Amino acid sequence: MASKAKFTTMDAYIASFPKEVQGILEKIRQTIRNAAPGAVEAISYQIPTFKLNGSNLVHFAAWKGHIGFYATPSGNVAFKKELARYKVAKGSIRFPFDEPIPYDLVAKIAKFRVKETQVKMKAKR
């Protein structure tokens, strides 16, 4: 869907897609913002990323037939039951365009990753 352009902002990435996909990406973006208010927007691996305390929290991207959501392996393991109906790999989840996007689940996973990241930061101190 998106060209091979090098993106520097989440806005530029989202704007490269058709309007209907832009709406989904914006809603995912807002869902993550609400779930992780201290997170910072970035582009990492040429896809939208939220970072917390310098660490990648979650990534998301639009592909030909789905939205990819990347919450690291720990996010996928913690929500294994809720993710059972989706194609899941080690650190990725595919939400197909022909089904409703589970924004509530995206929020739950993002909140989980915030807590996980905060625990790791406290352990480093």
Protein backbone atom coordinates (compact mmCIF):
# COMPACT_ATOMS: atom_id res chain seq x y z
CA MET A 1 0.00 0.00 0.00
CA ALA A 2 2.52 2.61 1.07
CA SER A 3 5.34 3.30 -1.32
CA LYS A 4 8.99 2.69 -0.52
CA ALA A 5 9.17 6.24 0.83
CA LYS A 6 11.27 6.96 3.90
CA PHE A 7 8.92 8.23 6.57
CA THR A 8 10.01 10.62 9.28
CA THR A 9 6.65 11.20 10.97
CA MET A 10 3.58 9.20 11.79
CA ASP A 11 1.49 11.81 9.94
CA ALA A 12 3.47 11.22 6.72
CA TYR A 13 3.12 7.45 7.06
CA ILE A 14 -0.63 7.61 7.61
CA ALA A 15 -1.14 10.13 4.79
CA SER A 16 0.42 7.68 2.30
CA PHE A 17 -2.63 5.37 2.50
CA PRO A 18 -6.17 5.57 1.10
CA LYS A 19 -8.69 7.48 3.23
CA GLU A 20 -10.40 4.39 4.67
CA VAL A 21 -7.06 2.97 5.83
CA GLN A 22 -6.00 6.37 7.16
CA GLY A 23 -9.07 6.34 9.39
CA ILE A 24 -8.14 2.96 10.86
CA LEU A 25 -4.52 4.00 11.40
CA GLU A 26 -5.59 7.25 13.09
CA LYS A 27 -7.96 5.36 15.39
CA ILE A 28 -5.20 2.92 16.35
CA ARG A 29 -2.88 5.87 16.95
CA GLN A 30 -5.42 7.56 19.23
CA THR A 31 -6.19 4.30 21.02
CA ILE A 32 -2.50 3.85 21.85
CA ARG A 33 -2.13 7.51 22.86
CA ASN A 34 -5.00 7.11 25.31
CA ALA A 35 -3.64 3.82 26.68
CA ALA A 36 -0.05 5.09 26.95
CA PRO A 37 -0.23 8.83 27.64
CA GLY A 38 3.50 9.11 28.41
CA ALA A 39 4.58 7.44 25.18
CA VAL A 40 6.23 9.36 22.36
CA GLU A 41 5.43 8.93 18.67
CA ALA A 42 8.26 7.86 16.37
CA ILE A 43 9.01 6.00 13.19
CA SER A 44 11.03 2.83 13.69
CA TYR A 45 11.59 0.17 11.04
CA GLN A 46 9.75 2.63 8.74
CA ILE A 47 6.45 2.10 10.59
CA PRO A 48 4.60 4.04 13.32
CA THR A 49 6.02 3.32 16.75
CA PHE A 50 5.30 4.45 20.26
CA LYS A 51 8.28 4.65 22.61
CA LEU A 52 8.37 4.90 26.37
CA ASN A 53 11.53 5.88 28.21
CA GLY A 54 13.48 5.34 25.00
CA SER A 55 12.23 1.78 24.49
CA ASN A 56 9.89 0.60 21.75
CA LEU A 57 6.45 0.06 23.25
CA VAL A 58 4.33 -0.99 20.25
CA HIS A 59 4.41 -0.59 16.47
CA PHE A 60 1.63 -0.74 13.90
CA ALA A 61 1.45 -0.74 10.12
CA ALA A 62 -0.95 -1.13 7.23
CA TRP A 63 -0.43 -3.90 4.71
CA LYS A 64 -2.34 -5.13 1.68
CA GLY A 65 -5.04 -7.03 3.56
CA HIS A 66 -4.49 -6.25 7.21
CA ILE A 67 -3.19 -4.03 9.97
CA GLY A 68 -0.04 -5.35 11.59
CA PHE A 69 0.29 -4.72 15.30
CA TYR A 70 3.61 -5.43 16.95
CA ALA A 71 3.66 -5.67 20.74
CA THR A 72 6.80 -7.79 21.11
CA PRO A 73 6.53 -11.45 21.97
CA SER A 74 5.52 -10.69 25.57
CA GLY A 75 2.42 -8.80 24.47
CA ASN A 76 1.35 -11.69 22.27
CA VAL A 77 1.95 -14.27 25.01
CA ALA A 78 0.03 -12.29 27.63
CA PHE A 79 -3.05 -12.04 25.39
CA LYS A 80 -2.84 -15.45 23.75
CA LYS A 81 -6.51 -16.30 24.36
CA GLU A 82 -7.82 -12.96 23.04
CA LEU A 83 -5.55 -13.26 19.99
CA ALA A 84 -6.49 -16.85 19.15
CA ARG A 85 -8.72 -15.81 16.24
CA TYR A 86 -5.98 -13.79 14.52
CA LYS A 87 -2.83 -14.76 12.66
CA VAL A 88 -0.08 -14.29 15.21
CA ALA A 89 3.67 -14.77 14.90
CA LYS A 90 6.37 -14.30 17.52
CA GLY A 91 5.93 -10.54 17.84
CA SER A 92 3.22 -9.69 15.32
CA ILE A 93 -0.55 -9.77 15.06
CA ARG A 94 -2.61 -9.43 11.88
CA PHE A 95 -5.97 -7.70 12.11
CA PRO A 96 -7.67 -8.29 8.73
CA PHE A 97 -9.43 -5.40 7.03
CA ASP A 98 -12.54 -7.50 6.45
CA GLU A 99 -13.17 -7.78 10.21
CA PRO A 100 -13.68 -5.07 12.84
CA ILE A 101 -10.39 -3.88 14.32
CA PRO A 102 -10.33 -4.79 18.05
CA TYR A 103 -9.42 -1.34 19.37
CA ASP A 104 -10.21 -2.37 22.96
CA LEU A 105 -7.69 -5.20 22.66
CA VAL A 106 -5.10 -2.82 21.16
CA ALA A 107 -5.60 -0.59 24.24
CA LYS A 108 -5.27 -3.51 26.65
CA ILE A 109 -2.06 -4.69 25.01
CA ALA A 110 -0.62 -1.16 24.97
CA LYS A 111 -1.41 -0.74 28.69
CA PHE A 112 0.24 -4.09 29.38
CA ARG A 113 3.35 -2.99 27.52
CA VAL A 114 3.43 0.30 29.49
CA LYS A 115 3.42 -1.62 32.78
CA GLU A 116 6.00 -4.07 31.50
CA THR A 117 8.29 -1.25 30.34
CA GLN A 118 7.92 0.60 33.65
CA VAL A 119 8.86 -2.54 35.59
CA LYS A 120 11.95 -3.01 33.43
CA MET A 121 12.95 0.64 33.97
CA LYS A 122 12.59 0.30 37.77
CA ALA A 123 14.70 -2.87 37.71
CA LYS A 124 17.48 -1.03 35.86
CA ARG A 125 17.63 1.70 38.52
